[in-house]
Amino acid sequence: MSVRPVIESVVVRFNERVSKDPELRKELAGLTKKVQLDLGQEKYYFVLKECCVPCVCDGVMTETPDITLFSDPETITKIVSGEMKMMKAWALKKVRLKGSIEDLMRFRKFL
């Protein structure tokens, strides 16, 4: 079973949150960030631009991403459902992130 619907639900929630939160919009204003999700057999990417993520795409980005998240579908599903906290997944090495510290701190706003 694909984890794509789980990722899309996170993007929908994020976009809704940004539309309702002027402080978050202000923080994200002018940012363009490319994010790659490498979940083993499943790979997805998206671009945050103009305070919105318009879609989730299958595959690997042709450009160098600003943030790359390495994990597996089961862990991502547990994090999104609240069954596992992101920090616990990171401590157990079930999630690895690659990118600048500033970008990684912004990425937490997705979850």
PDB file of N, CA and C in Angstrom:
ATOM      1  N   MET A   1       0.835  -1.189   0.000  1.00  0.00           N
ATOM      2  CA  MET A   1       0.000   0.000   0.000  1.00  0.00           C
ATOM      3  C   MET A   1       0.881   1.255   0.000  1.00  0.00           C
ATOM      4  N   SER A   2       0.588   2.180  -0.847  1.00  0.00           N
ATOM      5  CA  SER A   2       1.357   3.409  -1.003  1.00  0.00           C
ATOM      6  C   SER A   2       1.106   4.379   0.146  1.00  0.00           C
ATOM      7  N   VAL A   3       2.135   5.112   0.515  1.00  0.00           N
ATOM      8  CA  VAL A   3       2.017   6.127   1.555  1.00  0.00           C
ATOM      9  C   VAL A   3       1.647   7.496   0.945  1.00  0.00           C
ATOM     10  N   ARG A   4       1.516   7.552  -0.351  1.00  0.00           N
ATOM     11  CA  ARG A   4       1.196   8.814  -1.031  1.00  0.00           C
ATOM     12  C   ARG A   4      -0.035   9.522  -0.452  1.00  0.00           C
ATOM     13  N   PRO A   5      -1.164   8.819  -0.207  1.00  0.00           N
ATOM     14  CA  PRO A   5      -2.323   9.521   0.378  1.00  0.00           C
ATOM     15  C   PRO A   5      -2.011  10.155   1.742  1.00  0.00           C
ATOM     16  N   VAL A   6      -1.157   9.539   2.507  1.00  0.00           N
ATOM     17  CA  VAL A   6      -0.768  10.093   3.816  1.00  0.00           C
ATOM     18  C   VAL A   6       0.006  11.393   3.604  1.00  0.00           C
ATOM     19  N   ILE A   7       0.939  11.378   2.672  1.00  0.00           N
ATOM     20  CA  ILE A   7       1.737  12.571   2.381  1.00  0.00           C
ATOM     21  C   ILE A   7       0.840  13.679   1.832  1.00  0.00           C
ATOM     22  N   GLU A   8      -0.069  13.327   0.946  1.00  0.00           N
ATOM     23  CA  GLU A   8      -0.989  14.328   0.399  1.00  0.00           C
ATOM     24  C   GLU A   8      -1.866  14.929   1.486  1.00  0.00           C
ATOM     25  N   SER A   9      -2.265  14.129   2.464  1.00  0.00           N
ATOM     26  CA  SER A   9      -3.090  14.672   3.557  1.00  0.00           C
ATOM     27  C   SER A   9      -2.293  15.672   4.394  1.00  0.00           C
ATOM     28  N   VAL A  10      -1.010  15.424   4.572  1.00  0.00           N
ATOM     29  CA  VAL A  10      -0.155  16.366   5.311  1.00  0.00           C
ATOM     30  C   VAL A  10      -0.051  17.674   4.532  1.00  0.00           C
ATOM     31  N   VAL A  11       0.109  17.591   3.231  1.00  0.00           N
ATOM     32  CA  VAL A  11       0.209  18.787   2.396  1.00  0.00           C
ATOM     33  C   VAL A  11      -1.098  19.584   2.445  1.00  0.00           C
ATOM     34  N   VAL A  12      -2.227  18.915   2.381  1.00  0.00           N
ATOM     35  CA  VAL A  12      -3.529  19.599   2.458  1.00  0.00           C
ATOM     36  C   VAL A  12      -3.658  20.323   3.804  1.00  0.00           C
ATOM     37  N   ARG A  13      -3.333  19.630   4.891  1.00  0.00           N
ATOM     38  CA  ARG A  13      -3.401  20.262   6.228  1.00  0.00           C
ATOM     39  C   ARG A  13      -2.460  21.453   6.317  1.00  0.00           C
ATOM     40  N   PHE A  14      -1.245  21.303   5.774  1.00  0.00           N
ATOM     41  CA  PHE A  14      -0.280  22.394   5.788  1.00  0.00           C
ATOM     42  C   PHE A  14      -0.824  23.599   5.029  1.00  0.00           C
ATOM     43  N   ASN A  15      -1.328  23.389   3.818  1.00  0.00           N
ATOM     44  CA  ASN A  15      -1.865  24.493   3.017  1.00  0.00           C
ATOM     45  C   ASN A  15      -3.036  25.175   3.717  1.00  0.00           C
ATOM     46  N   GLU A  16      -3.890  24.390   4.369  1.00  0.00           N
ATOM     47  CA  GLU A  16      -5.013  24.969   5.124  1.00  0.00           C
ATOM     48  C   GLU A  16      -4.496  25.813   6.284  1.00  0.00           C
ATOM     49  N   ARG A  17      -3.482  25.293   6.979  1.00  0.00           N
ATOM     50  CA  ARG A  17      -2.907  26.013   8.114  1.00  0.00           C
ATOM     51  C   ARG A  17      -2.304  27.339   7.667  1.00  0.00           C
ATOM     52  N   VAL A  18      -1.579  27.317   6.571  1.00  0.00           N
ATOM     53  CA  VAL A  18      -0.959  28.539   6.059  1.00  0.00           C
ATOM     54  C   VAL A  18      -2.032  29.554   5.674  1.00  0.00           C
ATOM     55  N   SER A  19      -3.126  29.090   5.074  1.00  0.00           N
ATOM     56  CA  SER A  19      -4.179  30.015   4.653  1.00  0.00           C
ATOM     57  C   SER A  19      -4.869  30.694   5.831  1.00  0.00           C
ATOM     58  N   LYS A  20      -4.849  30.062   6.995  1.00  0.00           N
ATOM     59  CA  LYS A  20      -5.528  30.599   8.176  1.00  0.00           C
ATOM     60  C   LYS A  20      -4.596  31.294   9.169  1.00  0.00           C
ATOM     61  N   ASP A  21      -3.283  31.163   8.989  1.00  0.00           N
ATOM     62  CA  ASP A  21      -2.316  31.664   9.967  1.00  0.00           C
ATOM     63  C   ASP A  21      -1.444  32.764   9.351  1.00  0.00           C
ATOM     64  N   PRO A  22      -1.771  34.029   9.625  1.00  0.00           N
ATOM     65  CA  PRO A  22      -0.995  35.124   9.033  1.00  0.00           C
ATOM     66  C   PRO A  22       0.474  35.125   9.466  1.00  0.00           C
ATOM     67  N   GLU A  23       0.761  34.693  10.683  1.00  0.00           N
ATOM     68  CA  GLU A  23       2.151  34.640  11.149  1.00  0.00           C
ATOM     69  C   GLU A  23       2.958  33.619  10.356  1.00  0.00           C
ATOM     70  N   LEU A  24       2.370  32.463  10.100  1.00  0.00           N
ATOM     71  CA  LEU A  24       3.050  31.434   9.318  1.00  0.00           C
ATOM     72  C   LEU A  24       3.250  31.918   7.880  1.00  0.00           C
ATOM     73  N   ARG A  25       2.239  32.572   7.307  1.00  0.00           N
ATOM     74  CA  ARG A  25       2.370  33.121   5.955  1.00  0.00           C
ATOM     75  C   ARG A  25       3.512  34.130   5.897  1.00  0.00           C
ATOM     76  N   LYS A  26       3.588  34.964   6.926  1.00  0.00           N
ATOM     77  CA  LYS A  26       4.649  35.975   6.990  1.00  0.00           C
ATOM     78  C   LYS A  26       6.020  35.294   7.045  1.00  0.00           C
ATOM     79  N   GLU A  27       6.128  34.243   7.846  1.00  0.00           N
ATOM     80  CA  GLU A  27       7.400  33.529   7.978  1.00  0.00           C
ATOM     81  C   GLU A  27       7.816  32.860   6.664  1.00  0.00           C
ATOM     82  N   LEU A  28       6.845  32.364   5.917  1.00  0.00           N
ATOM     83  CA  LEU A  28       7.133  31.643   4.675  1.00  0.00           C
ATOM     84  C   LEU A  28       7.165  32.537   3.435  1.00  0.00           C
ATOM     85  N   ALA A  29       6.777  33.790   3.595  1.00  0.00           N
ATOM     86  CA  ALA A  29       6.710  34.711   2.450  1.00  0.00           C
ATOM     87  C   ALA A  29       8.063  34.792   1.745  1.00  0.00           C
ATOM     88  N   GLY A  30       8.016  34.660   0.433  1.00  0.00           N
ATOM     89  CA  GLY A  30       9.225  34.787  -0.366  1.00  0.00           C
ATOM     90  C   GLY A  30      10.099  33.541  -0.430  1.00  0.00           C
ATOM     91  N   LEU A  31       9.734  32.510   0.313  1.00  0.00           N
ATOM     92  CA  LEU A  31      10.535  31.283   0.318  1.00  0.00           C
ATOM     93  C   LEU A  31      10.136  30.345  -0.814  1.00  0.00           C
ATOM     94  N   THR A  32      11.128  29.731  -1.400  1.00  0.00           N
ATOM     95  CA  THR A  32      10.920  28.624  -2.318  1.00  0.00           C
ATOM     96  C   THR A  32      11.844  27.512  -1.829  1.00  0.00           C
ATOM     97  N   LYS A  33      11.270  26.374  -1.474  1.00  0.00           N
ATOM     98  CA  LYS A  33      12.046  25.241  -0.965  1.00  0.00           C
ATOM     99  C   LYS A  33      11.625  23.971  -1.673  1.00  0.00           C
ATOM    100  N   LYS A  34      12.622  23.210  -2.087  1.00  0.00           N
ATOM    101  CA  LYS A  34      12.395  21.932  -2.763  1.00  0.00           C
ATOM    102  C   LYS A  34      12.644  20.807  -1.761  1.00  0.00           C
ATOM    103  N   VAL A  35      11.687  19.886  -1.648  1.00  0.00           N
ATOM    104  CA  VAL A  35      11.761  18.809  -0.657  1.00  0.00           C
ATOM    105  C   VAL A  35      11.644  17.459  -1.357  1.00  0.00           C
ATOM    106  N   GLN A  36      12.596  16.583  -1.061  1.00  0.00           N
ATOM    107  CA  GLN A  36      12.593  15.212  -1.586  1.00  0.00           C
ATOM    108  C   GLN A  36      12.307  14.253  -0.441  1.00  0.00           C
ATOM    109  N   LEU A  37      11.377  13.333  -0.633  1.00  0.00           N
ATOM    110  CA  LEU A  37      11.089  12.283   0.340  1.00  0.00           C
ATOM    111  C   LEU A  37      11.576  10.973  -0.252  1.00  0.00           C
ATOM    112  N   ASP A  38      12.561  10.354   0.400  1.00  0.00           N
ATOM    113  CA  ASP A  38      13.100   9.079  -0.052  1.00  0.00           C
ATOM    114  C   ASP A  38      12.664   8.023   0.960  1.00  0.00           C
ATOM    115  N   LEU A  39      11.647   7.262   0.589  1.00  0.00           N
ATOM    116  CA  LEU A  39      11.073   6.257   1.483  1.00  0.00           C
ATOM    117  C   LEU A  39      11.399   4.849   1.000  1.00  0.00           C
ATOM    118  N   GLY A  40      12.611   4.663   0.486  1.00  0.00           N
ATOM    119  CA  GLY A  40      13.014   3.358  -0.025  1.00  0.00           C
ATOM    120  C   GLY A  40      12.422   3.130  -1.400  1.00  0.00           C
ATOM    121  N   GLN A  41      11.446   2.229  -1.488  1.00  0.00           N
ATOM    122  CA  GLN A  41      10.798   1.930  -2.765  1.00  0.00           C
ATOM    123  C   GLN A  41       9.954   3.097  -3.283  1.00  0.00           C
ATOM    124  N   GLU A  42       9.493   3.947  -2.387  1.00  0.00           N
ATOM    125  CA  GLU A  42       8.654   5.082  -2.762  1.00  0.00           C
ATOM    126  C   GLU A  42       9.453   6.379  -2.631  1.00  0.00           C
ATOM    127  N   LYS A  43       9.386   7.204  -3.675  1.00  0.00           N
ATOM    128  CA  LYS A  43      10.071   8.485  -3.656  1.00  0.00           C
ATOM    129  C   LYS A  43       9.086   9.551  -4.154  1.00  0.00           C
ATOM    130  N   TYR A  44       9.043  10.654  -3.433  1.00  0.00           N
ATOM    131  CA  TYR A  44       8.155  11.759  -3.766  1.00  0.00           C
ATOM    132  C   TYR A  44       8.906  13.069  -3.586  1.00  0.00           C
ATOM    133  N   TYR A  45       8.383  14.113  -4.209  1.00  0.00           N
ATOM    134  CA  TYR A  45       8.941  15.436  -3.978  1.00  0.00           C
ATOM    135  C   TYR A  45       7.844  16.480  -4.117  1.00  0.00           C
ATOM    136  N   PHE A  46       8.130  17.646  -3.531  1.00  0.00           N
ATOM    137  CA  PHE A  46       7.217  18.776  -3.664  1.00  0.00           C
ATOM    138  C   PHE A  46       8.016  20.056  -3.522  1.00  0.00           C
ATOM    139  N   VAL A  47       7.400  21.141  -3.928  1.00  0.00           N
ATOM    140  CA  VAL A  47       8.030  22.452  -3.839  1.00  0.00           C
ATOM    141  C   VAL A  47       7.111  23.387  -3.060  1.00  0.00           C
ATOM    142  N   LEU A  48       7.670  24.021  -2.056  1.00  0.00           N
ATOM    143  CA  LEU A  48       6.971  25.074  -1.312  1.00  0.00           C
ATOM    144  C   LEU A  48       7.304  26.381  -2.013  1.00  0.00           C
ATOM    145  N   LYS A  49       6.281  27.047  -2.534  1.00  0.00           N
ATOM    146  CA  LYS A  49       6.494  28.309  -3.237  1.00  0.00           C
ATOM    147  C   LYS A  49       5.271  29.178  -3.026  1.00  0.00           C
ATOM    148  N   GLU A  50       5.509  30.447  -2.735  1.00  0.00           N
ATOM    149  CA  GLU A  50       4.423  31.398  -2.499  1.00  0.00           C
ATOM    150  C   GLU A  50       3.485  30.894  -1.399  1.00  0.00           C
ATOM    151  N   CYS A  51       4.077  30.363  -0.326  1.00  0.00           N
ATOM    152  CA  CYS A  51       3.346  29.904   0.865  1.00  0.00           C
ATOM    153  C   CYS A  51       2.399  28.750   0.574  1.00  0.00           C
ATOM    154  N   CYS A  52       2.669  27.966  -0.444  1.00  0.00           N
ATOM    155  CA  CYS A  52       1.771  26.881  -0.812  1.00  0.00           C
ATOM    156  C   CYS A  52       2.566  25.720  -1.420  1.00  0.00           C
ATOM    157  N   VAL A  53       2.073  24.521  -1.189  1.00  0.00           N
ATOM    158  CA  VAL A  53       2.581  23.331  -1.865  1.00  0.00           C
ATOM    159  C   VAL A  53       1.460  22.870  -2.792  1.00  0.00           C
ATOM    160  N   PRO A  54       1.585  23.133  -4.094  1.00  0.00           N
ATOM    161  CA  PRO A  54       0.485  22.829  -5.007  1.00  0.00           C
ATOM    162  C   PRO A  54       0.244  21.340  -5.239  1.00  0.00           C
ATOM    163  N   CYS A  55       1.299  20.523  -5.177  1.00  0.00           N
ATOM    164  CA  CYS A  55       1.104  19.097  -5.434  1.00  0.00           C
ATOM    165  C   CYS A  55       2.284  18.276  -4.936  1.00  0.00           C
ATOM    166  N   VAL A  56       2.052  16.992  -4.810  1.00  0.00           N
ATOM    167  CA  VAL A  56       3.091  16.013  -4.487  1.00  0.00           C
ATOM    168  C   VAL A  56       3.358  15.248  -5.779  1.00  0.00           C
ATOM    169  N   CYS A  57       4.626  15.136  -6.136  1.00  0.00           N
ATOM    170  CA  CYS A  57       5.003  14.457  -7.378  1.00  0.00           C
ATOM    171  C   CYS A  57       5.732  13.153  -7.062  1.00  0.00           C
ATOM    172  N   ASP A  58       5.548  12.166  -7.918  1.00  0.00           N
ATOM    173  CA  ASP A  58       6.259  10.896  -7.782  1.00  0.00           C
ATOM    174  C   ASP A  58       7.680  11.036  -8.317  1.00  0.00           C
ATOM    175  N   GLY A  59       8.590  10.270  -7.716  1.00  0.00           N
ATOM    176  CA  GLY A  59       9.942  10.177  -8.261  1.00  0.00           C
ATOM    177  C   GLY A  59      10.971  11.035  -7.559  1.00  0.00           C
ATOM    178  N   VAL A  60      12.079  11.247  -8.290  1.00  0.00           N
ATOM    179  CA  VAL A  60      13.222  11.994  -7.766  1.00  0.00           C
ATOM    180  C   VAL A  60      13.304  13.321  -8.507  1.00  0.00           C
ATOM    181  N   MET A  61      13.577  14.385  -7.762  1.00  0.00           N
ATOM    182  CA  MET A  61      13.705  15.716  -8.359  1.00  0.00           C
ATOM    183  C   MET A  61      14.884  15.754  -9.321  1.00  0.00           C
ATOM    184  N   THR A  62      14.754  16.502 -10.375  1.00  0.00           N
ATOM    185  CA  THR A  62      15.875  16.695 -11.289  1.00  0.00           C
ATOM    186  C   THR A  62      16.827  17.762 -10.753  1.00  0.00           C
ATOM    187  N   GLU A  63      16.318  18.648  -9.907  1.00  0.00           N
ATOM    188  CA  GLU A  63      17.137  19.678  -9.272  1.00  0.00           C
ATOM    189  C   GLU A  63      17.591  19.173  -7.904  1.00  0.00           C
ATOM    190  N   THR A  64      18.597  19.815  -7.347  1.00  0.00           N
ATOM    191  CA  THR A  64      19.061  19.466  -6.001  1.00  0.00           C
ATOM    192  C   THR A  64      18.052  19.977  -4.981  1.00  0.00           C
ATOM    193  N   PRO A  65      17.515  19.088  -4.133  1.00  0.00           N
ATOM    194  CA  PRO A  65      16.534  19.534  -3.127  1.00  0.00           C
ATOM    195  C   PRO A  65      17.206  20.317  -2.005  1.00  0.00           C
ATOM    196  N   ASP A  66      16.424  21.195  -1.368  1.00  0.00           N
ATOM    197  CA  ASP A  66      16.912  21.910  -0.186  1.00  0.00           C
ATOM    198  C   ASP A  66      16.868  21.005   1.037  1.00  0.00           C
ATOM    199  N   ILE A  67      15.863  20.131   1.082  1.00  0.00           N
ATOM    200  CA  ILE A  67      15.675  19.197   2.200  1.00  0.00           C
ATOM    201  C   ILE A  67      15.418  17.815   1.617  1.00  0.00           C
ATOM    202  N   THR A  68      16.090  16.822   2.169  1.00  0.00           N
ATOM    203  CA  THR A  68      15.801  15.435   1.819  1.00  0.00           C
ATOM    204  C   THR A  68      15.475  14.690   3.097  1.00  0.00           C
ATOM    205  N   LEU A  69      14.348  14.002   3.100  1.00  0.00           N
ATOM    206  CA  LEU A  69      13.936  13.177   4.231  1.00  0.00           C
ATOM    207  C   LEU A  69      14.068  11.718   3.802  1.00  0.00           C
ATOM    208  N   PHE A  70      14.802  10.947   4.592  1.00  0.00           N
ATOM    209  CA  PHE A  70      14.970   9.514   4.359  1.00  0.00           C
ATOM    210  C   PHE A  70      14.217   8.766   5.451  1.00  0.00           C
ATOM    211  N   SER A  71      13.370   7.841   5.083  1.00  0.00           N
ATOM    212  CA  SER A  71      12.630   7.042   6.056  1.00  0.00           C
ATOM    213  C   SER A  71      12.019   5.853   5.329  1.00  0.00           C
ATOM    214  N   ASP A  72      10.895   5.372   5.880  1.00  0.00           N
ATOM    215  CA  ASP A  72      10.149   4.284   5.253  1.00  0.00           C
ATOM    216  C   ASP A  72       8.656   4.591   5.413  1.00  0.00           C
ATOM    217  N   PRO A  73       7.830   3.990   4.567  1.00  0.00           N
ATOM    218  CA  PRO A  73       6.393   4.301   4.616  1.00  0.00           C
ATOM    219  C   PRO A  73       5.750   4.055   5.985  1.00  0.00           C
ATOM    220  N   GLU A  74       6.129   2.972   6.660  1.00  0.00           N
ATOM    221  CA  GLU A  74       5.530   2.656   7.959  1.00  0.00           C
ATOM    222  C   GLU A  74       5.823   3.751   8.983  1.00  0.00           C
ATOM    223  N   THR A  75       7.061   4.206   9.041  1.00  0.00           N
ATOM    224  CA  THR A  75       7.433   5.246  10.003  1.00  0.00           C
ATOM    225  C   THR A  75       6.705   6.546   9.708  1.00  0.00           C
ATOM    226  N   ILE A  76       6.643   6.932   8.437  1.00  0.00           N
ATOM    227  CA  ILE A  76       5.955   8.176   8.069  1.00  0.00           C
ATOM    228  C   ILE A  76       4.480   8.096   8.456  1.00  0.00           C
ATOM    229  N   THR A  77       3.854   6.960   8.205  1.00  0.00           N
ATOM    230  CA  THR A  77       2.447   6.777   8.573  1.00  0.00           C
ATOM    231  C   THR A  77       2.262   6.905  10.078  1.00  0.00           C
ATOM    232  N   LYS A  78       3.169   6.324  10.859  1.00  0.00           N
ATOM    233  CA  LYS A  78       3.078   6.419  12.323  1.00  0.00           C
ATOM    234  C   LYS A  78       3.273   7.851  12.807  1.00  0.00           C
ATOM    235  N   ILE A  79       4.183   8.588  12.196  1.00  0.00           N
ATOM    236  CA  ILE A  79       4.417   9.978  12.594  1.00  0.00           C
ATOM    237  C   ILE A  79       3.174  10.820  12.298  1.00  0.00           C
ATOM    238  N   VAL A  80       2.632  10.686  11.104  1.00  0.00           N
ATOM    239  CA  VAL A  80       1.470  11.489  10.706  1.00  0.00           C
ATOM    240  C   VAL A  80       0.249  11.155  11.563  1.00  0.00           C
ATOM    241  N   SER A  81       0.078   9.878  11.911  1.00  0.00           N
ATOM    242  CA  SER A  81      -1.077   9.476  12.723  1.00  0.00           C
ATOM    243  C   SER A  81      -0.918   9.842  14.197  1.00  0.00           C
ATOM    244  N   GLY A  82       0.296  10.222  14.595  1.00  0.00           N
ATOM    245  CA  GLY A  82       0.548  10.554  15.990  1.00  0.00           C
ATOM    246  C   GLY A  82       0.972   9.363  16.825  1.00  0.00           C
ATOM    247  N   GLU A  83       1.059   8.210  16.208  1.00  0.00           N
ATOM    248  CA  GLU A  83       1.482   6.999  16.910  1.00  0.00           C
ATOM    249  C   GLU A  83       2.956   7.069  17.323  1.00  0.00           C
ATOM    250  N   MET A  84       3.761   7.843  16.581  1.00  0.00           N
ATOM    251  CA  MET A  84       5.180   8.023  16.890  1.00  0.00           C
ATOM    252  C   MET A  84       5.528   9.494  16.733  1.00  0.00           C
ATOM    253  N   LYS A  85       6.297  10.020  17.652  1.00  0.00           N
ATOM    254  CA  LYS A  85       6.755  11.406  17.576  1.00  0.00           C
ATOM    255  C   LYS A  85       7.969  11.481  16.651  1.00  0.00           C
ATOM    256  N   MET A  86       8.097  12.604  15.951  1.00  0.00           N
ATOM    257  CA  MET A  86       9.215  12.796  15.029  1.00  0.00           C
ATOM    258  C   MET A  86      10.561  12.655  15.737  1.00  0.00           C
ATOM    259  N   MET A  87      10.683  13.216  16.925  1.00  0.00           N
ATOM    260  CA  MET A  87      11.957  13.141  17.657  1.00  0.00           C
ATOM    261  C   MET A  87      12.303  11.698  18.023  1.00  0.00           C
ATOM    262  N   LYS A  88      11.322  10.897  18.374  1.00  0.00           N
ATOM    263  CA  LYS A  88      11.579   9.491  18.680  1.00  0.00           C
ATOM    264  C   LYS A  88      12.042   8.758  17.420  1.00  0.00           C
ATOM    265  N   ALA A  89      11.386   9.020  16.298  1.00  0.00           N
ATOM    266  CA  ALA A  89      11.779   8.388  15.031  1.00  0.00           C
ATOM    267  C   ALA A  89      13.203   8.782  14.662  1.00  0.00           C
ATOM    268  N   TRP A  90      13.528  10.032  14.887  1.00  0.00           N
ATOM    269  CA  TRP A  90      14.883  10.514  14.606  1.00  0.00           C
ATOM    270  C   TRP A  90      15.891   9.843  15.540  1.00  0.00           C
ATOM    271  N   ALA A  91      15.573   9.760  16.834  1.00  0.00           N
ATOM    272  CA  ALA A  91      16.469   9.131  17.804  1.00  0.00           C
ATOM    273  C   ALA A  91      16.685   7.649  17.497  1.00  0.00           C
ATOM    274  N   LEU A  92      15.643   6.989  17.005  1.00  0.00           N
ATOM    275  CA  LEU A  92      15.750   5.570  16.637  1.00  0.00           C
ATOM    276  C   LEU A  92      16.347   5.373  15.241  1.00  0.00           C
ATOM    277  N   LYS A  93      16.731   6.481  14.613  1.00  0.00           N
ATOM    278  CA  LYS A  93      17.310   6.470  13.259  1.00  0.00           C
ATOM    279  C   LYS A  93      16.356   5.914  12.208  1.00  0.00           C
ATOM    280  N   LYS A  94      15.063   6.122  12.454  1.00  0.00           N
ATOM    281  CA  LYS A  94      14.047   5.717  11.485  1.00  0.00           C
ATOM    282  C   LYS A  94      13.738   6.859  10.521  1.00  0.00           C
ATOM    283  N   VAL A  95      14.249   8.048  10.848  1.00  0.00           N
ATOM    284  CA  VAL A  95      14.124   9.219   9.994  1.00  0.00           C
ATOM    285  C   VAL A  95      15.474   9.922   9.988  1.00  0.00           C
ATOM    286  N   ARG A  96      15.917  10.276   8.793  1.00  0.00           N
ATOM    287  CA  ARG A  96      17.125  11.093   8.644  1.00  0.00           C
ATOM    288  C   ARG A  96      16.767  12.271   7.755  1.00  0.00           C
ATOM    289  N   LEU A  97      17.318  13.406   8.090  1.00  0.00           N
ATOM    290  CA  LEU A  97      17.074  14.618   7.321  1.00  0.00           C
ATOM    291  C   LEU A  97      18.394  15.194   6.846  1.00  0.00           C
ATOM    292  N   LYS A  98      18.381  15.702   5.620  1.00  0.00           N
ATOM    293  CA  LYS A  98      19.559  16.334   5.056  1.00  0.00           C
ATOM    294  C   LYS A  98      19.148  17.713   4.563  1.00  0.00           C
ATOM    295  N   GLY A  99      19.854  18.726   5.029  1.00  0.00           N
ATOM    296  CA  GLY A  99      19.555  20.099   4.632  1.00  0.00           C
ATOM    297  C   GLY A  99      20.137  21.048   5.646  1.00  0.00           C
ATOM    298  N   SER A 100      19.965  22.342   5.427  1.00  0.00           N
ATOM    299  CA  SER A 100      20.466  23.327   6.385  1.00  0.00           C
ATOM    300  C   SER A 100      19.619  23.255   7.662  1.00  0.00           C
ATOM    301  N   ILE A 101      20.205  23.645   8.754  1.00  0.00           N
ATOM    302  CA  ILE A 101      19.487  23.647  10.042  1.00  0.00           C
ATOM    303  C   ILE A 101      18.239  24.519   9.942  1.00  0.00           C
ATOM    304  N   GLU A 102      18.381  25.683   9.330  1.00  0.00           N
ATOM    305  CA  GLU A 102      17.241  26.597   9.190  1.00  0.00           C
ATOM    306  C   GLU A 102      16.102  25.929   8.412  1.00  0.00           C
ATOM    307  N   ASP A 103      16.436  25.262   7.299  1.00  0.00           N
ATOM    308  CA  ASP A 103      15.407  24.579   6.510  1.00  0.00           C
ATOM    309  C   ASP A 103      14.789  23.426   7.286  1.00  0.00           C
ATOM    310  N   LEU A 104      15.601  22.691   8.017  1.00  0.00           N
ATOM    311  CA  LEU A 104      15.086  21.557   8.786  1.00  0.00           C
ATOM    312  C   LEU A 104      14.130  22.020   9.877  1.00  0.00           C
ATOM    313  N   MET A 105      14.414  23.162  10.500  1.00  0.00           N
ATOM    314  CA  MET A 105      13.518  23.699  11.524  1.00  0.00           C
ATOM    315  C   MET A 105      12.184  24.117  10.895  1.00  0.00           C
ATOM    316  N   ARG A 106      12.222  24.649   9.689  1.00  0.00           N
ATOM    317  CA  ARG A 106      10.972  25.007   8.996  1.00  0.00           C
ATOM    318  C   ARG A 106      10.188  23.762   8.623  1.00  0.00           C
ATOM    319  N   PHE A 107      10.887  22.699   8.271  1.00  0.00           N
ATOM    320  CA  PHE A 107      10.235  21.473   7.811  1.00  0.00           C
ATOM    321  C   PHE A 107       9.323  20.902   8.884  1.00  0.00           C
ATOM    322  N   ARG A 108       9.639  21.100  10.151  1.00  0.00           N
ATOM    323  CA  ARG A 108       8.814  20.577  11.233  1.00  0.00           C
ATOM    324  C   ARG A 108       7.397  21.138  11.203  1.00  0.00           C
ATOM    325  N   LYS A 109       7.219  22.270  10.551  1.00  0.00           N
ATOM    326  CA  LYS A 109       5.891  22.892  10.449  1.00  0.00           C
ATOM    327  C   LYS A 109       4.937  22.050   9.598  1.00  0.00           C
ATOM    328  N   PHE A 110       5.475  21.142   8.820  1.00  0.00           N
ATOM    329  CA  PHE A 110       4.619  20.275   8.006  1.00  0.00           C
ATOM    330  C   PHE A 110       3.910  19.242   8.859  1.00  0.00           C
ATOM    331  N   LEU A 111       4.508  18.841   9.946  1.00  0.00           N
ATOM    332  CA  LEU A 111       3.951  17.736  10.738  1.00  0.00           C
ATOM    333  C   LEU A 111       3.222  18.222  11.960  1.00  0.00           C
TER     334      LEU A 111
END
